PDB file of N, CA and C in Angstrom:
ATOM      1  N   MET A   1       0.838  -1.184   0.000  1.00  0.00           N
ATOM      2  CA  MET A   1       0.000   0.000   0.000  1.00  0.00           C
ATOM      3  C   MET A   1       0.880   1.244   0.000  1.00  0.00           C
ATOM      4  N   THR A   2       0.357   2.211  -0.721  1.00  0.00           N
ATOM      5  CA  THR A   2       1.116   3.445  -0.787  1.00  0.00           C
ATOM      6  C   THR A   2       0.654   4.365   0.325  1.00  0.00           C
ATOM      7  N   LEU A   3       1.390   5.396   0.493  1.00  0.00           N
ATOM      8  CA  LEU A   3       1.069   6.378   1.537  1.00  0.00           C
ATOM      9  C   LEU A   3      -0.264   7.052   1.253  1.00  0.00           C
ATOM     10  N   LYS A   4      -0.518   7.326  -0.017  1.00  0.00           N
ATOM     11  CA  LYS A   4      -1.769   7.980  -0.412  1.00  0.00           C
ATOM     12  C   LYS A   4      -2.962   7.087  -0.064  1.00  0.00           C
ATOM     13  N   THR A   5      -2.861   5.810  -0.328  1.00  0.00           N
ATOM     14  CA  THR A   5      -3.936   4.867  -0.043  1.00  0.00           C
ATOM     15  C   THR A   5      -4.171   4.767   1.463  1.00  0.00           C
ATOM     16  N   MET A   6      -3.095   4.688   2.221  1.00  0.00           N
ATOM     17  CA  MET A   6      -3.230   4.591   3.679  1.00  0.00           C
ATOM     18  C   MET A   6      -3.828   5.863   4.265  1.00  0.00           C
ATOM     19  N   ALA A   7      -3.451   7.010   3.746  1.00  0.00           N
ATOM     20  CA  ALA A   7      -4.007   8.273   4.232  1.00  0.00           C
ATOM     21  C   ALA A   7      -5.490   8.337   3.903  1.00  0.00           C
ATOM     22  N   THR A   8      -5.870   7.888   2.717  1.00  0.00           N
ATOM     23  CA  THR A   8      -7.273   7.888   2.320  1.00  0.00           C
ATOM     24  C   THR A   8      -8.074   6.947   3.208  1.00  0.00           C
ATOM     25  N   ILE A   9      -7.568   5.758   3.462  1.00  0.00           N
ATOM     26  CA  ILE A   9      -8.251   4.793   4.328  1.00  0.00           C
ATOM     27  C   ILE A   9      -8.351   5.345   5.743  1.00  0.00           C
ATOM     28  N   GLY A  10      -7.302   5.959   6.233  1.00  0.00           N
ATOM     29  CA  GLY A  10      -7.301   6.533   7.586  1.00  0.00           C
ATOM     30  C   GLY A  10      -8.331   7.661   7.714  1.00  0.00           C
ATOM     31  N   LEU A  11      -8.336   8.567   6.760  1.00  0.00           N
ATOM     32  CA  LEU A  11      -9.299   9.687   6.799  1.00  0.00           C
ATOM     33  C   LEU A  11     -10.729   9.180   6.676  1.00  0.00           C
ATOM     34  N   THR A  12     -10.930   8.185   5.824  1.00  0.00           N
ATOM     35  CA  THR A  12     -12.266   7.612   5.659  1.00  0.00           C
ATOM     36  C   THR A  12     -12.707   6.935   6.950  1.00  0.00           C
ATOM     37  N   SER A  13     -11.805   6.251   7.606  1.00  0.00           N
ATOM     38  CA  SER A  13     -12.125   5.583   8.868  1.00  0.00           C
ATOM     39  C   SER A  13     -12.480   6.602   9.944  1.00  0.00           C
ATOM     40  N   VAL A  14     -11.710   7.689  10.035  1.00  0.00           N
ATOM     41  CA  VAL A  14     -11.991   8.732  11.020  1.00  0.00           C
ATOM     42  C   VAL A  14     -13.344   9.367  10.724  1.00  0.00           C
ATOM     43  N   LEU A  15     -13.614   9.644   9.473  1.00  0.00           N
ATOM     44  CA  LEU A  15     -14.890  10.230   9.076  1.00  0.00           C
ATOM     45  C   LEU A  15     -16.039   9.282   9.420  1.00  0.00           C
ATOM     46  N   ALA A  16     -15.889   8.006   9.113  1.00  0.00           N
ATOM     47  CA  ALA A  16     -16.937   7.029   9.412  1.00  0.00           C
ATOM     48  C   ALA A  16     -17.160   6.940  10.924  1.00  0.00           C
ATOM     49  N   TYR A  17     -16.099   6.963  11.699  1.00  0.00           N
ATOM     50  CA  TYR A  17     -16.229   6.924  13.154  1.00  0.00           C
ATOM     51  C   TYR A  17     -16.967   8.158  13.676  1.00  0.00           C
ATOM     52  N   GLN A  18     -16.630   9.328  13.157  1.00  0.00           N
ATOM     53  CA  GLN A  18     -17.291  10.564  13.596  1.00  0.00           C
ATOM     54  C   GLN A  18     -18.779  10.540  13.234  1.00  0.00           C
ATOM     55  N   VAL A  19     -19.088  10.045  12.051  1.00  0.00           N
ATOM     56  CA  VAL A  19     -20.494   9.941  11.640  1.00  0.00           C
ATOM     57  C   VAL A  19     -21.213   8.962  12.554  1.00  0.00           C
ATOM     58  N   TYR A  20     -20.599   7.836  12.852  1.00  0.00           N
ATOM     59  CA  TYR A  20     -21.219   6.855  13.743  1.00  0.00           C
ATOM     60  C   TYR A  20     -21.418   7.439  15.133  1.00  0.00           C
ATOM     61  N   ARG A  21     -20.420   8.150  15.614  1.00  0.00           N
ATOM     62  CA  ARG A  21     -20.495   8.730  16.950  1.00  0.00           C
ATOM     63  C   ARG A  21     -21.595   9.788  17.056  1.00  0.00           C
ATOM     64  N   LYS A  22     -21.828  10.529  15.984  1.00  0.00           N
ATOM     65  CA  LYS A  22     -22.817  11.608  16.000  1.00  0.00           C
ATOM     66  C   LYS A  22     -24.092  11.208  15.250  1.00  0.00           C
ATOM     67  N   ARG A  23     -24.337   9.900  15.119  1.00  0.00           N
ATOM     68  CA  ARG A  23     -25.468   9.437  14.327  1.00  0.00           C
ATOM     69  C   ARG A  23     -26.811   9.909  14.881  1.00  0.00           C
ATOM     70  N   HIS A  24     -26.942   9.964  16.203  1.00  0.00           N
ATOM     71  CA  HIS A  24     -28.209  10.406  16.800  1.00  0.00           C
ATOM     72  C   HIS A  24     -28.454  11.895  16.517  1.00  0.00           C
ATOM     73  N   GLN A  25     -27.421  12.671  16.657  1.00  0.00           N
ATOM     74  CA  GLN A  25     -27.532  14.103  16.369  1.00  0.00           C
ATOM     75  C   GLN A  25     -27.864  14.335  14.891  1.00  0.00           C
ATOM     76  N   ILE A  26     -27.218  13.567  14.014  1.00  0.00           N
ATOM     77  CA  ILE A  26     -27.480  13.696  12.581  1.00  0.00           C
ATOM     78  C   ILE A  26     -28.917  13.283  12.277  1.00  0.00           C
ATOM     79  N   LYS A  27     -29.372  12.204  12.919  1.00  0.00           N
ATOM     80  CA  LYS A  27     -30.743  11.741  12.702  1.00  0.00           C
ATOM     81  C   LYS A  27     -31.752  12.786  13.188  1.00  0.00           C
ATOM     82  N   GLU A  28     -31.514  13.380  14.349  1.00  0.00           N
ATOM     83  CA  GLU A  28     -32.405  14.422  14.870  1.00  0.00           C
ATOM     84  C   GLU A  28     -32.425  15.639  13.942  1.00  0.00           C
ATOM     85  N   THR A  29     -31.278  15.993  13.424  1.00  0.00           N
ATOM     86  CA  THR A  29     -31.189  17.123  12.503  1.00  0.00           C
ATOM     87  C   THR A  29     -31.984  16.842  11.225  1.00  0.00           C
ATOM     88  N   LEU A  30     -31.856  15.621  10.708  1.00  0.00           N
ATOM     89  CA  LEU A  30     -32.605  15.258   9.509  1.00  0.00           C
ATOM     90  C   LEU A  30     -34.117  15.278   9.758  1.00  0.00           C
ATOM     91  N   VAL A  31     -34.538  14.779  10.922  1.00  0.00           N
ATOM     92  CA  VAL A  31     -35.968  14.798  11.257  1.00  0.00           C
ATOM     93  C   VAL A  31     -36.455  16.239  11.383  1.00  0.00           C
ATOM     94  N   ALA A  32     -35.669  17.077  12.035  1.00  0.00           N
ATOM     95  CA  ALA A  32     -36.039  18.490  12.173  1.00  0.00           C
ATOM     96  C   ALA A  32     -36.107  19.168  10.803  1.00  0.00           C
ATOM     97  N   MET A  33     -35.190  18.843   9.920  1.00  0.00           N
ATOM     98  CA  MET A  33     -35.192  19.436   8.580  1.00  0.00           C
ATOM     99  C   MET A  33     -36.422  18.987   7.788  1.00  0.00           C
ATOM    100  N   LYS A  34     -36.796  17.704   7.925  1.00  0.00           N
ATOM    101  CA  LYS A  34     -37.993  17.213   7.236  1.00  0.00           C
ATOM    102  C   LYS A  34     -39.240  17.916   7.771  1.00  0.00           C
ATOM    103  N   THR A  35     -39.307  18.084   9.081  1.00  0.00           N
ATOM    104  CA  THR A  35     -40.443  18.777   9.686  1.00  0.00           C
ATOM    105  C   THR A  35     -40.501  20.224   9.210  1.00  0.00           C
ATOM    106  N   SER A  36     -39.344  20.880   9.182  1.00  0.00           N
ATOM    107  CA  SER A  36     -39.284  22.265   8.705  1.00  0.00           C
ATOM    108  C   SER A  36     -39.697  22.354   7.244  1.00  0.00           C
ATOM    109  N   LYS A  37     -39.270  21.396   6.451  1.00  0.00           N
ATOM    110  CA  LYS A  37     -39.620  21.401   5.033  1.00  0.00           C
ATOM    111  C   LYS A  37     -41.132  21.271   4.863  1.00  0.00           C
ATOM    112  N   LYS A  38     -41.755  20.377   5.642  1.00  0.00           N
ATOM    113  CA  LYS A  38     -43.205  20.206   5.556  1.00  0.00           C
ATOM    114  C   LYS A  38     -43.925  21.486   5.978  1.00  0.00           C
ATOM    115  N   ALA A  39     -43.444  22.119   7.046  1.00  0.00           N
ATOM    116  CA  ALA A  39     -44.058  23.361   7.516  1.00  0.00           C
ATOM    117  C   ALA A  39     -43.895  24.478   6.483  1.00  0.00           C
ATOM    118  N   ILE A  40     -42.718  24.554   5.892  1.00  0.00           N
ATOM    119  CA  ILE A  40     -42.470  25.571   4.874  1.00  0.00           C
ATOM    120  C   ILE A  40     -43.351  25.326   3.661  1.00  0.00           C
ATOM    121  N   GLN A  41     -43.493  24.078   3.252  1.00  0.00           N
ATOM    122  CA  GLN A  41     -44.344  23.760   2.103  1.00  0.00           C
ATOM    123  C   GLN A  41     -45.798  24.112   2.404  1.00  0.00           C
ATOM    124  N   ALA A  42     -46.253  23.839   3.628  1.00  0.00           N
ATOM    125  CA  ALA A  42     -47.621  24.207   4.014  1.00  0.00           C
ATOM    126  C   ALA A  42     -47.794  25.722   3.974  1.00  0.00           C
ATOM    127  N   ASP A  43     -46.787  26.450   4.441  1.00  0.00           N
ATOM    128  CA  ASP A  43     -46.843  27.914   4.394  1.00  0.00           C
ATOM    129  C   ASP A  43     -46.889  28.417   2.960  1.00  0.00           C
ATOM    130  N   VAL A  44     -46.084  27.821   2.092  1.00  0.00           N
ATOM    131  CA  VAL A  44     -46.062  28.229   0.689  1.00  0.00           C
ATOM    132  C   VAL A  44     -47.429  27.965   0.047  1.00  0.00           C
ATOM    133  N   ASP A  45     -48.003  26.811   0.338  1.00  0.00           N
ATOM    134  CA  ASP A  45     -49.325  26.493  -0.214  1.00  0.00           C
ATOM    135  C   ASP A  45     -50.378  27.471   0.287  1.00  0.00           C
ATOM    136  N   ARG A  46     -50.314  27.807   1.571  1.00  0.00           N
ATOM    137  CA  ARG A  46     -51.267  28.762   2.152  1.00  0.00           C
ATOM    138  C   ARG A  46     -51.084  30.147   1.529  1.00  0.00           C
ATOM    139  N   ILE A  47     -49.844  30.536   1.319  1.00  0.00           N
ATOM    140  CA  ILE A  47     -49.561  31.841   0.702  1.00  0.00           C
ATOM    141  C   ILE A  47     -50.091  31.874  -0.726  1.00  0.00           C
ATOM    142  N   LYS A  48     -49.889  30.784  -1.474  1.00  0.00           N
ATOM    143  CA  LYS A  48     -50.396  30.728  -2.844  1.00  0.00           C
ATOM    144  C   LYS A  48     -51.924  30.841  -2.865  1.00  0.00           C
ATOM    145  N   ALA A  49     -52.577  30.150  -1.924  1.00  0.00           N
ATOM    146  CA  ALA A  49     -54.038  30.221  -1.848  1.00  0.00           C
ATOM    147  C   ALA A  49     -54.482  31.642  -1.513  1.00  0.00           C
ATOM    148  N   ASN A  50     -53.788  32.283  -0.576  1.00  0.00           N
ATOM    149  CA  ASN A  50     -54.127  33.657  -0.209  1.00  0.00           C
ATOM    150  C   ASN A  50     -53.907  34.626  -1.364  1.00  0.00           C
ATOM    151  N   ILE A  51     -52.854  34.415  -2.131  1.00  0.00           N
ATOM    152  CA  ILE A  51     -52.600  35.270  -3.293  1.00  0.00           C
ATOM    153  C   ILE A  51     -53.720  35.114  -4.311  1.00  0.00           C
ATOM    154  N   ALA A  52     -54.176  33.877  -4.512  1.00  0.00           N
ATOM    155  CA  ALA A  52     -55.279  33.651  -5.456  1.00  0.00           C
ATOM    156  C   ALA A  52     -56.542  34.360  -4.981  1.00  0.00           C
ATOM    157  N   ILE A  53     -56.804  34.300  -3.680  1.00  0.00           N
ATOM    158  CA  ILE A  53     -57.982  34.987  -3.124  1.00  0.00           C
ATOM    159  C   ILE A  53     -57.844  36.495  -3.298  1.00  0.00           C
ATOM    160  N   ILE A  54     -56.668  37.017  -3.024  1.00  0.00           N
ATOM    161  CA  ILE A  54     -56.435  38.457  -3.151  1.00  0.00           C
ATOM    162  C   ILE A  54     -56.618  38.898  -4.604  1.00  0.00           C
ATOM    163  N   GLN A  55     -56.103  38.115  -5.542  1.00  0.00           N
ATOM    164  CA  GLN A  55     -56.259  38.471  -6.953  1.00  0.00           C
ATOM    165  C   GLN A  55     -57.727  38.449  -7.362  1.00  0.00           C
ATOM    166  N   LYS A  56     -58.470  37.470  -6.865  1.00  0.00           N
ATOM    167  CA  LYS A  56     -59.897  37.393  -7.176  1.00  0.00           C
ATOM    168  C   LYS A  56     -60.625  38.614  -6.609  1.00  0.00           C
ATOM    169  N   GLU A  57     -60.328  38.945  -5.367  1.00  0.00           N
ATOM    170  CA  GLU A  57     -60.961  40.107  -4.732  1.00  0.00           C
ATOM    171  C   GLU A  57     -60.552  41.404  -5.420  1.00  0.00           C
ATOM    172  N   ALA A  58     -59.311  41.470  -5.895  1.00  0.00           N
ATOM    173  CA  ALA A  58     -58.855  42.671  -6.608  1.00  0.00           C
ATOM    174  C   ALA A  58     -59.670  42.866  -7.884  1.00  0.00           C
ATOM    175  N   ARG A  59     -59.941  41.765  -8.594  1.00  0.00           N
ATOM    176  CA  ARG A  59     -60.774  41.878  -9.799  1.00  0.00           C
ATOM    177  C   ARG A  59     -62.182  42.329  -9.433  1.00  0.00           C
ATOM    178  N   THR A  60     -62.713  41.789  -8.328  1.00  0.00           N
ATOM    179  CA  THR A  60     -64.049  42.186  -7.877  1.00  0.00           C
ATOM    180  C   THR A  60     -64.062  43.667  -7.520  1.00  0.00           C
ATOM    181  N   LEU A  61     -63.044  44.118  -6.801  1.00  0.00           N
ATOM    182  CA  LEU A  61     -62.964  45.532  -6.432  1.00  0.00           C
ATOM    183  C   LEU A  61     -62.788  46.420  -7.659  1.00  0.00           C
ATOM    184  N   GLN A  62     -62.042  45.950  -8.626  1.00  0.00           N
ATOM    185  CA  GLN A  62     -61.860  46.703  -9.861  1.00  0.00           C
ATOM    186  C   GLN A  62     -63.204  46.897 -10.553  1.00  0.00           C
ATOM    187  N   ALA A  63     -63.989  45.822 -10.624  1.00  0.00           N
ATOM    188  CA  ALA A  63     -65.308  45.908 -11.254  1.00  0.00           C
ATOM    189  C   ALA A  63     -66.220  46.844 -10.462  1.00  0.00           C
ATOM    190  N   ALA A  64     -66.175  46.734  -9.128  1.00  0.00           N
ATOM    191  CA  ALA A  64     -67.002  47.612  -8.296  1.00  0.00           C
ATOM    192  C   ALA A  64     -66.564  49.066  -8.450  1.00  0.00           C
ATOM    193  N   GLY A  65     -65.278  49.302  -8.536  1.00  0.00           N
ATOM    194  CA  GLY A  65     -64.764  50.660  -8.730  1.00  0.00           C
ATOM    195  C   GLY A  65     -65.218  51.245 -10.053  1.00  0.00           C
ATOM    196  N   THR A  66     -65.197  50.433 -11.090  1.00  0.00           N
ATOM    197  CA  THR A  66     -65.652  50.891 -12.402  1.00  0.00           C
ATOM    198  C   THR A  66     -67.143  51.235 -12.355  1.00  0.00           C
ATOM    199  N   GLU A  67     -67.918  50.367 -11.702  1.00  0.00           N
ATOM    200  CA  GLU A  67     -69.356  50.604 -11.579  1.00  0.00           C
ATOM    201  C   GLU A  67     -69.635  51.868 -10.771  1.00  0.00           C
ATOM    202  N   LEU A  68     -68.899  52.043  -9.679  1.00  0.00           N
ATOM    203  CA  LEU A  68     -69.092  53.242  -8.861  1.00  0.00           C
ATOM    204  C   LEU A  68     -68.705  54.509  -9.623  1.00  0.00           C
ATOM    205  N   ALA A  69     -67.665  54.433 -10.402  1.00  0.00           N
ATOM    206  CA  ALA A  69     -67.261  55.599 -11.199  1.00  0.00           C
ATOM    207  C   ALA A  69     -68.361  55.962 -12.190  1.00  0.00           C
ATOM    208  N   TYR A  70     -68.933  54.960 -12.818  1.00  0.00           N
ATOM    209  CA  TYR A  70     -70.025  55.213 -13.764  1.00  0.00           C
ATOM    210  C   TYR A  70     -71.227  55.820 -13.038  1.00  0.00           C
ATOM    211  N   LYS A  71     -71.584  55.248 -11.876  1.00  0.00           N
ATOM    212  CA  LYS A  71     -72.731  55.764 -11.125  1.00  0.00           C
ATOM    213  C   LYS A  71     -72.461  57.190 -10.634  1.00  0.00           C
ATOM    214  N   TRP A  72     -71.231  57.471 -10.235  1.00  0.00           N
ATOM    215  CA  TRP A  72     -70.881  58.816  -9.779  1.00  0.00           C
ATOM    216  C   TRP A  72     -71.016  59.817 -10.924  1.00  0.00           C
ATOM    217  N   GLN A  73     -70.564  59.417 -12.098  1.00  0.00           N
ATOM    218  CA  GLN A  73     -70.664  60.290 -13.261  1.00  0.00           C
ATOM    219  C   GLN A  73     -72.140  60.530 -13.601  1.00  0.00           C
ATOM    220  N   ALA A  74     -72.954  59.483 -13.558  1.00  0.00           N
ATOM    221  CA  ALA A  74     -74.384  59.638 -13.847  1.00  0.00           C
ATOM    222  C   ALA A  74     -75.043  60.528 -12.795  1.00  0.00           C
ATOM    223  N   PHE A  75     -74.674  60.346 -11.524  1.00  0.00           N
ATOM    224  CA  PHE A  75     -75.215  61.177 -10.450  1.00  0.00           C
ATOM    225  C   PHE A  75     -74.843  62.638 -10.660  1.00  0.00           C
ATOM    226  N   ASN A  76     -73.589  62.898 -11.004  1.00  0.00           N
ATOM    227  CA  ASN A  76     -73.150  64.276 -11.242  1.00  0.00           C
ATOM    228  C   ASN A  76     -73.911  64.917 -12.391  1.00  0.00           C
ATOM    229  N   GLN A  77     -74.126  64.172 -13.450  1.00  0.00           N
ATOM    230  CA  GLN A  77     -74.871  64.724 -14.578  1.00  0.00           C
ATOM    231  C   GLN A  77     -76.315  65.032 -14.177  1.00  0.00           C
ATOM    232  N   GLU A  78     -76.927  64.117 -13.431  1.00  0.00           N
ATOM    233  CA  GLU A  78     -78.296  64.333 -12.981  1.00  0.00           C
ATOM    234  C   GLU A  78     -78.363  65.500 -11.999  1.00  0.00           C
ATOM    235  N   ALA A  79     -77.402  65.552 -11.084  1.00  0.00           N
ATOM    236  CA  ALA A  79     -77.376  66.651 -10.113  1.00  0.00           C
ATOM    237  C   ALA A  79     -77.155  67.985 -10.819  1.00  0.00           C
ATOM    238  N   GLN A  80     -76.304  67.995 -11.828  1.00  0.00           N
ATOM    239  CA  GLN A  80     -76.047  69.232 -12.568  1.00  0.00           C
ATOM    240  C   GLN A  80     -77.320  69.719 -13.253  1.00  0.00           C
ATOM    241  N   ALA A  81     -78.091  68.788 -13.795  1.00  0.00           N
ATOM    242  CA  ALA A  81     -79.358  69.169 -14.427  1.00  0.00           C
ATOM    243  C   ALA A  81     -80.305  69.769 -13.391  1.00  0.00           C
ATOM    244  N   HIS A  82     -80.386  69.165 -12.224  1.00  0.00           N
ATOM    245  CA  HIS A  82     -81.244  69.690 -11.157  1.00  0.00           C
ATOM    246  C   HIS A  82     -80.748  71.057 -10.684  1.00  0.00           C
ATOM    247  N   LEU A  83     -79.462  71.201 -10.538  1.00  0.00           N
ATOM    248  CA  LEU A  83     -78.903  72.479 -10.091  1.00  0.00           C
ATOM    249  C   LEU A  83     -79.169  73.578 -11.122  1.00  0.00           C
ATOM    250  N   THR A  84     -79.062  73.241 -12.379  1.00  0.00           N
ATOM    251  CA  THR A  84     -79.353  74.220 -13.430  1.00  0.00           C
ATOM    252  C   THR A  84     -80.816  74.653 -13.348  1.00  0.00           C
ATOM    253  N   GLU A  85     -81.695  73.701 -13.137  1.00  0.00           N
ATOM    254  CA  GLU A  85     -83.123  74.007 -13.012  1.00  0.00           C
ATOM    255  C   GLU A  85     -83.387  74.888 -11.788  1.00  0.00           C
ATOM    256  N   ILE A  86     -82.739  74.572 -10.688  1.00  0.00           N
ATOM    257  CA  ILE A  86     -82.896  75.380  -9.465  1.00  0.00           C
ATOM    258  C   ILE A  86     -82.364  76.788  -9.694  1.00  0.00           C
ATOM    259  N   GLN A  87     -81.241  76.915 -10.377  1.00  0.00           N
ATOM    260  CA  GLN A  87     -80.675  78.237 -10.644  1.00  0.00           C
ATOM    261  C   GLN A  87     -81.602  79.063 -11.535  1.00  0.00           C
ATOM    262  N   LYS A  88     -82.264  78.428 -12.468  1.00  0.00           N
ATOM    263  CA  LYS A  88     -83.231  79.143 -13.317  1.00  0.00           C
ATOM    264  C   LYS A  88     -84.365  79.697 -12.472  1.00  0.00           C
ATOM    265  N   HIS A  89     -84.895  78.852 -11.576  1.00  0.00           N
ATOM    266  CA  HIS A  89     -85.983  79.300 -10.706  1.00  0.00           C
ATOM    267  C   HIS A  89     -85.512  80.402  -9.759  1.00  0.00           C
ATOM    268  N   MET A  90     -84.300  80.257  -9.258  1.00  0.00           N
ATOM    269  CA  MET A  90     -83.760  81.263  -8.334  1.00  0.00           C
ATOM    270  C   MET A  90     -83.516  82.583  -9.063  1.00  0.00           C
ATOM    271  N   SER A  91     -83.072  82.527 -10.296  1.00  0.00           N
ATOM    272  CA  SER A  91     -82.793  83.761 -11.028  1.00  0.00           C
ATOM    273  C   SER A  91     -84.069  84.565 -11.260  1.00  0.00           C
ATOM    274  N   LYS A  92     -85.206  83.895 -11.430  1.00  0.00           N
ATOM    275  CA  LYS A  92     -86.478  84.601 -11.578  1.00  0.00           C
ATOM    276  C   LYS A  92     -86.774  85.419 -10.323  1.00  0.00           C
ATOM    277  N   TYR A  93     -86.599  84.780  -9.177  1.00  0.00           N
ATOM    278  CA  TYR A  93     -86.919  85.455  -7.922  1.00  0.00           C
ATOM    279  C   TYR A  93     -85.897  86.559  -7.604  1.00  0.00           C
ATOM    280  N   GLN A  94     -84.670  86.340  -7.982  1.00  0.00           N
ATOM    281  CA  GLN A  94     -83.651  87.348  -7.700  1.00  0.00           C
ATOM    282  C   GLN A  94     -83.835  88.574  -8.594  1.00  0.00           C
ATOM    283  N   GLN A  95     -84.313  88.380  -9.780  1.00  0.00           N
ATOM    284  CA  GLN A  95     -84.540  89.509 -10.686  1.00  0.00           C
ATOM    285  C   GLN A  95     -85.782  90.291 -10.274  1.00  0.00           C
ATOM    286  N   GLU A  96     -86.766  89.620  -9.706  1.00  0.00           N
ATOM    287  CA  GLU A  96     -88.016  90.292  -9.313  1.00  0.00           C
ATOM    288  C   GLU A  96     -87.833  91.138  -8.074  1.00  0.00           C
ATOM    289  N   THR A  97     -86.958  90.763  -7.181  1.00  0.00           N
ATOM    290  CA  THR A  97     -86.776  91.525  -5.951  1.00  0.00           C
ATOM    291  C   THR A  97     -85.841  92.704  -6.194  1.00  0.00           C
ATOM    292  N   PRO A  98     -86.292  93.927  -5.777  1.00  0.00           N
ATOM    293  CA  PRO A  98     -85.439  95.105  -5.989  1.00  0.00           C
ATOM    294  C   PRO A  98     -84.311  95.207  -4.998  1.00  0.00           C
TER     295      PRO A  98
END
């Protein structure tokens, strides 16, 4: 055996021993990571669902805003007609009074 082979076998043995010695800690870490991954995936799914709801509501609000703008414009036109009529009636009385 060459020195390189013996060094590789030695390092591999030390690494294997360290992994064996810390196997419980590694296993706990893996379980915690799996749990975290599941929680993160659930959060991502919930966020996606909330975004879809928000987008749907935004479209609804957009439609309501458009409808309200139209109704406001119609109200203003109707109110302007009434105000013009009132001003005509008022001008008669203002001209008659000295």
